[in-house]
Protein backbone atom coordinates (compact mmCIF):
# COMPACT_ATOMS: atom_id res chain seq x y z
CA MET A 1 -59.33 82.73 -93.61
CA TYR A 2 -58.16 79.67 -95.54
CA TYR A 3 -56.10 81.82 -97.90
CA GLU A 4 -54.13 83.46 -95.08
CA THR A 5 -53.61 80.15 -93.30
CA MET A 6 -52.33 78.46 -96.44
CA GLN A 7 -50.06 81.38 -97.26
CA GLU A 8 -48.53 81.15 -93.78
CA LYS A 9 -48.00 77.38 -94.12
CA ILE A 10 -46.26 77.81 -97.48
CA ASN A 11 -44.02 80.63 -96.28
CA THR A 12 -42.98 78.78 -93.11
CA LYS A 13 -42.70 75.42 -94.93
CA ASN A 14 -45.23 73.87 -92.60
CA CYS A 15 -47.19 72.91 -95.70
CA THR A 16 -47.22 69.17 -96.46
CA VAL A 17 -47.08 68.62 -100.21
CA GLY A 18 -48.58 65.60 -101.93
CA VAL A 19 -47.47 64.52 -105.39
CA ILE A 20 -49.71 62.06 -107.23
CA GLY A 21 -47.76 60.11 -109.86
CA LEU A 22 -44.07 59.40 -109.28
CA GLY A 23 -42.89 59.21 -112.87
CA TYR A 24 -40.62 61.44 -114.98
CA VAL A 25 -42.58 64.53 -113.87
CA GLY A 26 -43.75 63.75 -110.34
CA LEU A 27 -40.64 62.26 -108.80
CA PRO A 28 -38.25 65.13 -109.70
CA LEU A 29 -40.87 67.62 -108.48
CA ALA A 30 -41.30 65.73 -105.21
CA ILE A 31 -37.54 65.63 -104.67
CA GLU A 32 -37.29 69.40 -105.26
CA PHE A 33 -39.99 70.14 -102.69
CA ALA A 34 -38.42 67.74 -100.19
CA GLY A 35 -34.96 69.19 -100.80
CA ALA A 36 -36.33 72.66 -100.08
CA GLY A 37 -37.52 71.56 -96.66
CA TYR A 38 -41.17 70.68 -97.27
CA ASN A 39 -42.60 67.41 -96.02
CA VAL A 40 -43.62 65.51 -99.15
CA ILE A 41 -45.80 62.45 -99.57
CA GLY A 42 -45.47 60.85 -103.00
CA PHE A 43 -48.39 58.72 -104.22
CA ASP A 44 -48.29 56.05 -106.90
CA ILE A 45 -50.51 53.09 -107.74
CA HIS A 46 -47.50 50.89 -108.63
CA ALA A 47 -46.22 49.13 -105.52
CA GLY A 48 -43.01 48.15 -107.33
CA LYS A 49 -42.07 51.81 -107.86
CA VAL A 50 -42.84 52.72 -104.28
CA ASN A 51 -40.78 49.77 -103.00
CA GLN A 52 -37.83 50.85 -105.16
CA LEU A 53 -37.97 54.37 -103.80
CA THR A 54 -38.34 53.12 -100.24
CA GLN A 55 -35.16 51.09 -100.75
CA GLY A 56 -33.34 54.15 -102.12
CA ASP A 57 -33.31 52.96 -105.74
CA SER A 58 -34.25 55.65 -108.28
CA TYR A 59 -35.71 54.60 -111.63
CA ILE A 60 -35.63 58.13 -113.07
CA ILE A 61 -32.48 59.18 -114.95
CA ASP A 62 -32.54 62.74 -113.57
CA ILE A 63 -32.75 61.61 -109.92
CA THR A 64 -29.61 59.96 -108.59
CA ASN A 65 -29.70 57.50 -105.72
CA GLN A 66 -27.71 60.07 -103.74
CA LYS A 67 -30.44 62.72 -104.19
CA LEU A 68 -33.09 60.21 -103.24
CA ALA A 69 -31.15 59.05 -100.19
CA ALA A 70 -30.73 62.62 -98.94
CA VAL A 71 -34.46 63.37 -98.83
CA ARG A 72 -35.31 59.91 -97.49
CA GLN A 73 -32.80 60.22 -94.65
CA SER A 74 -34.03 63.71 -93.79
CA GLY A 75 -37.54 62.33 -93.48
CA HIS A 76 -38.91 64.91 -95.91
CA PHE A 77 -39.99 62.40 -98.58
CA ILE A 78 -42.31 59.45 -98.05
CA PRO A 79 -43.44 57.37 -101.07
CA THR A 80 -46.64 55.37 -100.65
CA THR A 81 -49.50 53.57 -102.36
CA ASP A 82 -51.83 54.52 -99.49
CA PHE A 83 -54.03 57.33 -100.81
CA SER A 84 -55.66 57.83 -97.43
CA LYS A 85 -52.55 59.86 -96.59
CA LEU A 86 -54.00 62.58 -98.83
CA GLY A 87 -55.82 63.59 -95.67
CA GLU A 88 -52.45 64.74 -94.31
CA VAL A 89 -51.51 67.06 -97.20
CA ASP A 90 -52.15 70.77 -97.58
CA ALA A 91 -51.18 71.07 -101.25
CA VAL A 92 -51.33 68.37 -103.91
CA CYS A 93 -49.75 68.26 -107.37
CA ILE A 94 -51.30 65.90 -109.93
CA CYS A 95 -48.60 64.50 -112.22
CA VAL A 96 -50.32 61.51 -113.83
CA PRO A 97 -50.11 60.28 -117.44
CA THR A 98 -52.49 61.61 -120.09
CA PRO A 99 -52.20 59.18 -123.02
CA LEU A 100 -54.36 58.93 -126.12
CA THR A 101 -56.96 56.26 -126.76
CA LYS A 102 -56.71 54.02 -129.83
CA SER A 103 -59.00 56.48 -131.61
CA GLN A 104 -56.51 59.31 -130.87
CA GLU A 105 -58.72 60.99 -128.29
CA PRO A 106 -57.61 62.20 -124.83
CA ASP A 107 -57.63 59.55 -122.10
CA MET A 108 -58.54 61.41 -118.92
CA SER A 109 -58.92 58.29 -116.77
CA TYR A 110 -55.76 58.91 -114.72
CA ILE A 111 -56.76 62.47 -113.88
CA ILE A 112 -60.31 61.36 -113.05
CA ALA A 113 -58.95 58.64 -110.75
CA ALA A 114 -56.62 61.11 -109.00
CA VAL A 115 -59.45 63.59 -108.45
CA ALA A 116 -61.65 60.81 -107.07
CA GLU A 117 -59.00 60.07 -104.44
CA ILE A 118 -58.61 63.76 -103.59
CA LYS A 119 -62.37 64.10 -103.14
CA ARG A 120 -62.38 61.23 -100.63
CA TYR A 121 -59.88 63.01 -98.38
CA MET A 122 -60.57 66.64 -99.29
CA LYS A 123 -60.29 69.24 -96.55
CA PRO A 124 -60.87 73.02 -96.53
CA GLY A 125 -57.97 75.20 -97.63
CA MET A 126 -56.32 72.63 -99.87
CA LEU A 127 -54.27 73.86 -102.85
CA ILE A 128 -54.58 71.61 -105.93
CA THR A 129 -52.34 71.95 -108.98
CA LEU A 130 -52.63 69.91 -112.16
CA GLU A 131 -49.38 69.42 -114.07
CA SER A 132 -50.41 66.73 -116.56
CA THR A 133 -50.52 67.82 -120.19
CA THR A 134 -54.12 68.19 -121.31
CA TYR A 135 -56.62 70.18 -123.36
CA PRO A 136 -57.75 73.72 -122.41
CA GLY A 137 -60.61 73.54 -119.93
CA THR A 138 -59.58 70.33 -118.15
CA THR A 139 -58.77 71.99 -114.82
CA GLU A 140 -62.18 73.65 -114.69
CA GLU A 141 -64.18 70.70 -116.02
CA LEU A 142 -62.56 67.74 -114.27
CA ILE A 143 -61.32 69.29 -111.02
CA GLN A 144 -63.10 72.55 -110.18
CA ALA A 145 -66.57 71.24 -110.99
CA GLU A 146 -65.98 68.03 -109.05
CA ILE A 147 -64.70 69.74 -105.90
CA GLU A 148 -67.36 72.45 -105.99
CA ALA A 149 -70.00 69.71 -106.14
CA LEU A 150 -68.87 68.79 -102.64
CA GLY A 151 -69.80 72.28 -101.45
CA TYR A 152 -66.37 73.92 -101.59
CA ARG A 153 -65.93 77.32 -103.28
CA VAL A 154 -62.87 77.80 -105.45
CA GLY A 155 -60.68 80.69 -104.30
CA LYS A 156 -62.37 80.61 -100.88
CA ASP A 157 -62.49 77.08 -99.48
CA PHE A 158 -59.94 75.53 -101.83
CA PHE A 159 -57.44 76.78 -104.37
CA LEU A 160 -56.83 75.49 -107.88
CA CYS A 161 -54.04 76.03 -110.44
CA TYR A 162 -52.67 74.56 -113.62
CA SER A 163 -48.90 74.52 -114.18
CA PRO A 164 -47.73 72.40 -117.13
CA GLU A 165 -44.71 70.17 -116.67
CA ARG A 166 -41.66 70.95 -118.77
CA VAL A 167 -39.55 67.86 -118.18
CA ASP A 168 -36.84 66.97 -120.68
CA PRO A 169 -35.39 63.64 -119.46
CA GLY A 170 -31.60 63.53 -119.52
CA ASN A 171 -31.16 67.26 -120.12
CA LYS A 172 -27.94 68.22 -118.31
CA THR A 173 -28.63 71.97 -118.50
CA PHE A 174 -32.32 72.45 -117.79
CA GLN A 175 -34.03 70.44 -115.07
CA THR A 176 -37.00 71.02 -112.77
CA LYS A 177 -35.50 73.83 -110.69
CA ASN A 178 -34.06 76.05 -113.41
CA THR A 179 -36.71 75.57 -116.11
CA PRO A 180 -39.15 78.53 -116.06
CA LYS A 181 -42.60 77.40 -114.97
CA VAL A 182 -45.89 78.70 -116.34
CA LEU A 183 -48.73 78.90 -113.84
CA GLY A 184 -52.36 79.93 -114.09
CA GLY A 185 -54.86 80.08 -111.24
CA THR A 186 -58.64 79.79 -111.28
CA THR A 187 -58.87 82.97 -109.18
CA PRO A 188 -56.30 85.62 -108.21
CA ASN A 189 -55.91 84.05 -104.74
CA CYS A 190 -55.35 80.65 -106.33
CA CYS A 191 -52.64 82.12 -108.53
CA LYS A 192 -50.95 83.86 -105.60
CA LEU A 193 -50.79 80.67 -103.54
CA GLY A 194 -49.57 78.61 -106.48
CA ASP A 195 -46.88 81.19 -107.15
CA ALA A 196 -45.84 81.24 -103.49
CA LEU A 197 -45.50 77.45 -103.37
CA TYR A 198 -43.64 76.90 -106.64
CA SER A 199 -41.38 79.93 -106.18
CA ASN A 200 -39.75 78.09 -103.28
CA VAL A 201 -38.50 75.33 -105.58
CA ILE A 202 -38.46 76.85 -109.11
CA ASN A 203 -36.15 79.72 -110.04
CA HIS A 204 -38.72 81.56 -112.17
CA VAL A 205 -42.52 81.22 -112.17
CA TYR A 206 -44.31 82.93 -115.08
CA LEU A 207 -47.91 83.82 -114.22
CA VAL A 208 -50.73 83.85 -116.77
CA SER A 209 -54.32 85.00 -116.50
CA SER A 210 -56.10 81.65 -116.33
CA THR A 211 -55.74 77.88 -116.19
CA LYS A 212 -56.87 77.69 -119.83
CA VAL A 213 -54.01 79.91 -120.98
CA ALA A 214 -51.54 77.76 -119.06
CA GLU A 215 -53.04 74.58 -120.55
CA MET A 216 -52.91 76.04 -124.06
CA SER A 217 -49.31 77.21 -123.67
CA LYS A 218 -48.12 73.65 -123.11
CA LEU A 219 -49.91 72.40 -126.22
CA LEU A 220 -48.53 75.28 -128.26
CA GLU A 221 -44.95 74.46 -127.21
CA ASN A 222 -45.11 70.87 -128.36
CA THR A 223 -47.33 71.40 -131.40
CA PHE A 224 -44.76 73.94 -132.58
CA ARG A 225 -42.08 71.26 -132.33
CA SER A 226 -44.24 68.62 -134.00
CA ILE A 227 -45.02 70.81 -137.00
CA ASN A 228 -41.42 71.93 -137.48
CA ILE A 229 -40.06 68.39 -137.18
CA ALA A 230 -42.65 67.25 -139.73
CA PHE A 231 -41.52 70.00 -142.09
CA MET A 232 -37.91 68.85 -141.77
CA ASN A 233 -38.95 65.26 -142.36
CA GLU A 234 -40.68 66.33 -145.55
CA MET A 235 -37.62 68.36 -146.56
CA ALA A 236 -35.51 65.24 -146.00
CA MET A 237 -37.61 63.31 -148.51
CA LEU A 238 -37.51 66.23 -150.95
CA CYS A 239 -33.73 66.57 -150.71
CA GLU A 240 -33.36 62.84 -151.23
CA ALA A 241 -35.53 63.01 -154.34
CA LEU A 242 -33.41 65.90 -155.65
CA GLY A 243 -30.12 64.13 -154.88
CA MET A 244 -29.04 66.42 -152.04
CA ASN A 245 -28.04 65.88 -148.42
CA VAL A 246 -30.67 67.44 -146.14
CA TRP A 247 -28.23 67.54 -143.21
CA GLU A 248 -25.84 69.75 -145.17
CA VAL A 249 -28.75 71.97 -146.22
CA VAL A 250 -29.97 72.34 -142.60
CA ASP A 251 -26.48 73.16 -141.32
CA ALA A 252 -26.10 75.81 -144.00
CA ALA A 253 -29.46 77.40 -143.16
CA ALA A 254 -28.63 77.33 -139.43
CA THR A 255 -25.73 79.72 -139.95
CA LYS A 256 -28.30 82.52 -140.24
CA PRO A 257 -28.26 84.29 -136.85
CA PHE A 258 -31.89 85.44 -137.05
CA GLY A 259 -35.21 84.26 -138.45
CA PHE A 260 -34.31 80.54 -138.45
CA MET A 261 -34.54 77.88 -135.74
CA LYS A 262 -32.77 74.60 -136.35
CA PHE A 263 -34.82 71.41 -136.42
CA THR A 264 -33.63 68.09 -137.82
CA PRO A 265 -35.34 65.12 -139.47
CA GLY A 266 -35.27 61.59 -138.10
CA PRO A 267 -37.03 58.21 -138.00
CA GLY A 268 -40.13 59.70 -136.36
CA ILE A 269 -41.10 61.42 -133.13
CA GLY A 270 -41.16 59.95 -129.63
CA GLY A 271 -41.40 60.76 -125.97
CA HIS A 272 -44.24 61.64 -123.64
CA CYS A 273 -45.22 64.93 -125.29
CA ILE A 274 -44.63 65.62 -128.97
CA PRO A 275 -46.44 62.58 -130.43
CA LEU A 276 -49.47 63.12 -128.16
CA ASP A 277 -49.97 66.77 -127.26
CA PRO A 278 -50.92 68.07 -130.74
CA MET A 279 -53.79 65.58 -130.82
CA TYR A 280 -55.17 67.02 -127.57
CA LEU A 281 -55.28 70.41 -129.26
CA SER A 282 -56.76 69.01 -132.47
CA TRP A 283 -59.45 67.14 -130.52
CA LYS A 284 -60.40 70.25 -128.55
CA ALA A 285 -60.46 72.35 -131.72
CA LYS A 286 -62.92 69.98 -133.38
CA GLY A 287 -65.27 70.52 -130.45
CA ALA A 288 -65.33 74.20 -131.44
CA ASN A 289 -65.91 73.25 -135.09
CA PHE A 290 -62.34 74.26 -135.95
CA PHE A 291 -60.16 71.87 -137.93
CA SER A 292 -56.40 72.35 -137.84
CA ARG A 293 -54.87 71.03 -141.05
CA PHE A 294 -51.35 71.89 -139.87
CA ILE A 295 -51.62 69.60 -136.84
CA GLU A 296 -53.18 66.69 -138.72
CA LEU A 297 -50.69 66.93 -141.58
CA ALA A 298 -47.74 67.09 -139.20
CA GLN A 299 -48.93 63.99 -137.34
CA GLU A 300 -49.43 62.14 -140.61
CA THR A 301 -45.97 63.10 -141.89
CA ASN A 302 -44.17 62.15 -138.68
CA LYS A 303 -45.98 58.83 -138.37
CA LYS A 304 -44.84 57.85 -141.87
CA MET A 305 -41.15 58.20 -141.07
CA PRO A 306 -40.64 54.62 -139.76
CA GLU A 307 -41.87 53.42 -143.17
CA GLN A 308 -39.27 55.65 -144.82
CA VAL A 309 -36.63 53.96 -142.68
CA ILE A 310 -37.79 50.55 -143.92
CA HIS A 311 -37.57 51.81 -147.49
CA LYS A 312 -34.00 52.98 -146.88
CA VAL A 313 -33.09 49.61 -145.32
CA SER A 314 -34.48 47.84 -148.39
CA GLN A 315 -32.50 50.19 -150.62
CA ALA A 316 -29.30 49.50 -148.71
CA LEU A 317 -29.74 45.72 -148.77
CA ASN A 318 -30.25 45.85 -152.54
CA VAL A 319 -26.58 46.76 -152.81
CA ASP A 320 -25.69 43.27 -151.67
CA TYR A 321 -28.54 41.70 -153.68
CA LYS A 322 -30.49 40.95 -150.51
CA SER A 323 -34.03 41.61 -149.33
CA ILE A 324 -35.30 42.47 -145.88
CA ARG A 325 -36.79 39.00 -145.54
CA GLY A 326 -34.14 36.73 -144.08
CA SER A 327 -31.62 39.49 -143.43
CA LYS A 328 -30.02 40.08 -140.04
CA VAL A 329 -30.66 43.62 -138.87
CA LEU A 330 -29.17 45.36 -135.83
CA LEU A 331 -30.98 48.42 -134.47
CA LEU A 332 -28.72 50.86 -132.63
CA GLY A 333 -30.73 52.65 -129.96
CA MET A 334 -34.35 52.11 -128.88
CA ALA A 335 -34.80 55.20 -126.67
CA TYR A 336 -36.58 58.16 -128.25
CA LYS A 337 -33.63 60.53 -127.64
CA PRO A 338 -29.91 60.29 -126.82
CA ASP A 339 -28.46 59.07 -123.53
CA ILE A 340 -31.73 58.20 -121.74
CA ASP A 341 -33.65 54.98 -121.11
CA ASP A 342 -37.11 56.25 -122.12
CA VAL A 343 -38.80 54.32 -124.95
CA ARG A 344 -42.24 55.93 -124.68
CA GLU A 345 -43.63 56.41 -128.20
CA SER A 346 -40.12 55.86 -129.59
CA PRO A 347 -40.13 55.48 -133.41
CA ALA A 348 -37.58 52.69 -132.95
CA LEU A 349 -40.40 50.50 -131.65
CA GLU A 350 -42.33 50.92 -134.90
CA VAL A 351 -39.19 50.32 -136.97
CA TYR A 352 -38.63 47.07 -135.10
CA GLU A 353 -42.21 45.89 -135.73
CA LEU A 354 -42.09 46.76 -139.44
CA LEU A 355 -38.79 44.94 -139.97
CA HIS A 356 -40.04 41.93 -138.00
CA LYS A 357 -43.28 41.80 -140.02
CA ASN A 358 -41.23 41.95 -143.23
CA GLY A 359 -39.33 38.83 -142.24
CA ALA A 360 -36.05 40.27 -140.94
CA TYR A 361 -34.15 38.78 -138.02
CA VAL A 362 -34.02 41.86 -135.80
CA SER A 363 -31.75 42.47 -132.81
CA TYR A 364 -31.00 45.68 -130.99
CA TYR A 365 -28.21 47.24 -128.97
CA ASP A 366 -28.94 50.02 -126.50
CA PRO A 367 -26.83 50.29 -123.32
CA HIS A 368 -29.54 52.46 -121.76
CA VAL A 369 -32.50 50.18 -122.54
CA GLU A 370 -32.09 46.72 -121.07
CA PHE A 371 -35.34 45.44 -122.55
CA PHE A 372 -38.64 46.47 -124.15
CA TYR A 373 -41.87 44.71 -125.05
CA SER A 374 -42.89 44.03 -128.63
CA GLU A 375 -46.48 44.38 -129.83
CA ASP A 376 -47.20 40.72 -129.04
CA GLY A 377 -45.90 41.12 -125.49
CA THR A 378 -42.53 39.45 -126.02
CA ARG A 379 -39.80 40.82 -123.76
CA LEU A 380 -36.80 41.64 -125.94
CA TYR A 381 -33.33 42.24 -124.49
CA SER A 382 -30.45 44.34 -125.74
CA GLU A 383 -27.44 42.58 -127.21
CA GLU A 384 -24.36 42.85 -125.03
CA ASP A 385 -21.31 41.72 -127.00
CA VAL A 386 -22.02 43.25 -130.39
CA ARG A 387 -20.08 42.35 -133.53
CA TYR A 388 -21.29 44.69 -136.21
CA ASN A 389 -20.08 42.53 -139.09
CA ASP A 390 -22.41 39.74 -137.95
CA TYR A 391 -25.33 41.71 -139.40
CA ASP A 392 -26.36 42.44 -142.95
CA VAL A 393 -27.25 46.02 -142.03
CA VAL A 394 -26.95 48.25 -138.96
CA VAL A 395 -29.69 50.87 -138.50
CA THR A 396 -28.88 53.84 -136.24
CA LEU A 397 -32.05 55.10 -134.55
CA THR A 398 -30.75 56.89 -131.44
CA ASN A 399 -27.45 58.75 -131.39
CA HIS A 400 -26.27 57.75 -127.92
CA SER A 401 -22.88 59.29 -127.11
CA VAL A 402 -21.55 55.86 -126.14
CA PHE A 403 -21.69 54.59 -129.72
CA ASN A 404 -18.27 54.48 -131.40
CA THR A 405 -19.00 55.65 -134.93
CA ALA A 406 -15.47 54.92 -136.18
CA GLU A 407 -15.75 51.32 -135.00
CA ILE A 408 -19.21 50.93 -136.50
CA VAL A 409 -18.31 52.28 -139.93
CA THR A 410 -15.20 50.10 -140.02
CA GLU A 411 -16.87 46.84 -139.02
CA ALA A 412 -20.44 47.08 -140.34
CA ASN A 413 -21.36 45.70 -143.75
CA LEU A 414 -24.04 48.33 -144.41
CA ILE A 415 -25.37 51.25 -142.35
CA VAL A 416 -28.70 53.08 -142.50
CA ASP A 417 -28.23 56.35 -140.63
CA THR A 418 -31.42 58.11 -139.51
CA ARG A 419 -29.76 60.58 -137.12
CA ASN A 420 -26.74 61.84 -139.06
CA MET A 421 -24.42 60.02 -136.66
CA PHE A 422 -21.91 59.61 -139.46
CA GLN A 423 -21.72 63.27 -140.41
CA GLY A 424 -18.78 63.86 -142.73
CA GLU A 425 -18.33 60.13 -143.35
CA ASN A 426 -18.29 59.46 -147.09
CA SER A 427 -18.16 55.68 -146.87
CA GLU A 428 -20.26 53.89 -149.47
CA LYS A 429 -21.58 51.74 -146.65
CA VAL A 430 -23.63 54.61 -145.25
CA PHE A 431 -27.18 55.27 -146.44
CA ARG A 432 -28.70 58.39 -144.88
CA ILE A 433 -32.29 59.43 -144.45
CA GLY A 434 -32.64 62.62 -146.48
CA SER A 435 -29.65 61.99 -148.73
CA GLY A 436 -29.02 60.52 -152.14
CA ILE A 437 -27.80 56.95 -152.56
CA PRO A 438 -24.09 56.08 -152.33
CA GLU A 439 -22.05 56.02 -155.50
CA ARG A 440 -21.78 52.27 -155.87
CA LEU A 441 -25.56 51.84 -155.82
CA ALA A 442 -25.93 54.61 -158.37
CA MET A 443 -23.58 52.73 -160.66
CA MET A 444 -25.75 49.61 -160.37
CA GLN A 445 -28.86 51.39 -161.58
């Protein structure tokens, strides 16, 4: 009975959708559902975020104020901190953070808190989908078991799916609607309802046999990236030791039209997925007495890259007979990737801390990141009127398209390039990660 009723609600768009967590994942998803004609209630514990959305001010780069205004004016999207409104929803998508603890273990507290709220207002026939990245088995252990303890039967009285988010902030080509979506249901009926709901807002839904497979697929995607980035970071150090330019080597290898996928080195890994997801898989594997050396080695290699940046800065300053201590350093870009404002897990944060601890006077310029917080809680603001020649060395950490490389290379005294922003530039000012030292330093040695 509940299955047929829910199917009818989804097909006629009389299904009210709840989205818990209005961040980089939840807000775009909520806007898609609202734009498709569903009534959507967005839940978040942060009153400031809800107030912004209520006032028509989007804090997510992929959601314009115009998009937000359209669904607000239509009445299809209501943001709130009032979780009692979960009693009004028919389907709920959990899009909360899943960080790591200090001991590098999964922090499930946000999911647990979301499930606790759902349990308070649970009603028969509800469809629950978890989108947060997590270890295989989470959907069954933390949601199914909890709801069934209330007396509900999965696939009969309620329906449960896992569908991992695939958000790439700032991506102009692939966004929520046109990125294929993996979905696994706890039972066949769960899968059918999940497919019916998401197919109304996502161009292609790819069904798998279980929630565990869907959970594992997300971890595989990002562990694959982590390991390959780590390999390129190691190749960068090897090429530097052998006096070659790793960027030229990578470009040459990338001309092969088969059997090679291009990855590039950098100052480390950042964002909401790649630095964290492999550790979810590693943690789960240890529970099965399986130890993944690839994952652990990749994490270790990537985490060392900020230290390699500091070494390159020291090497560059030696040209002018200076040390890091007392030098003025400008960091270009704090976001973890180009043309966005997201600093989550950004390696630039670690580079800042290392330079600061080594006695440098550190400033930063990032037109997308107005401020960030240092380890001691200090709120640091981006420079506005930058004069590159005021600094002993400029370190490029994020290759934002707004940066004028010609201006930088002309005005800067020294440059440490971690992103190959100055590709083809042979200036002796430029020190690249993964490349030999400039000619004038070689002559000094």
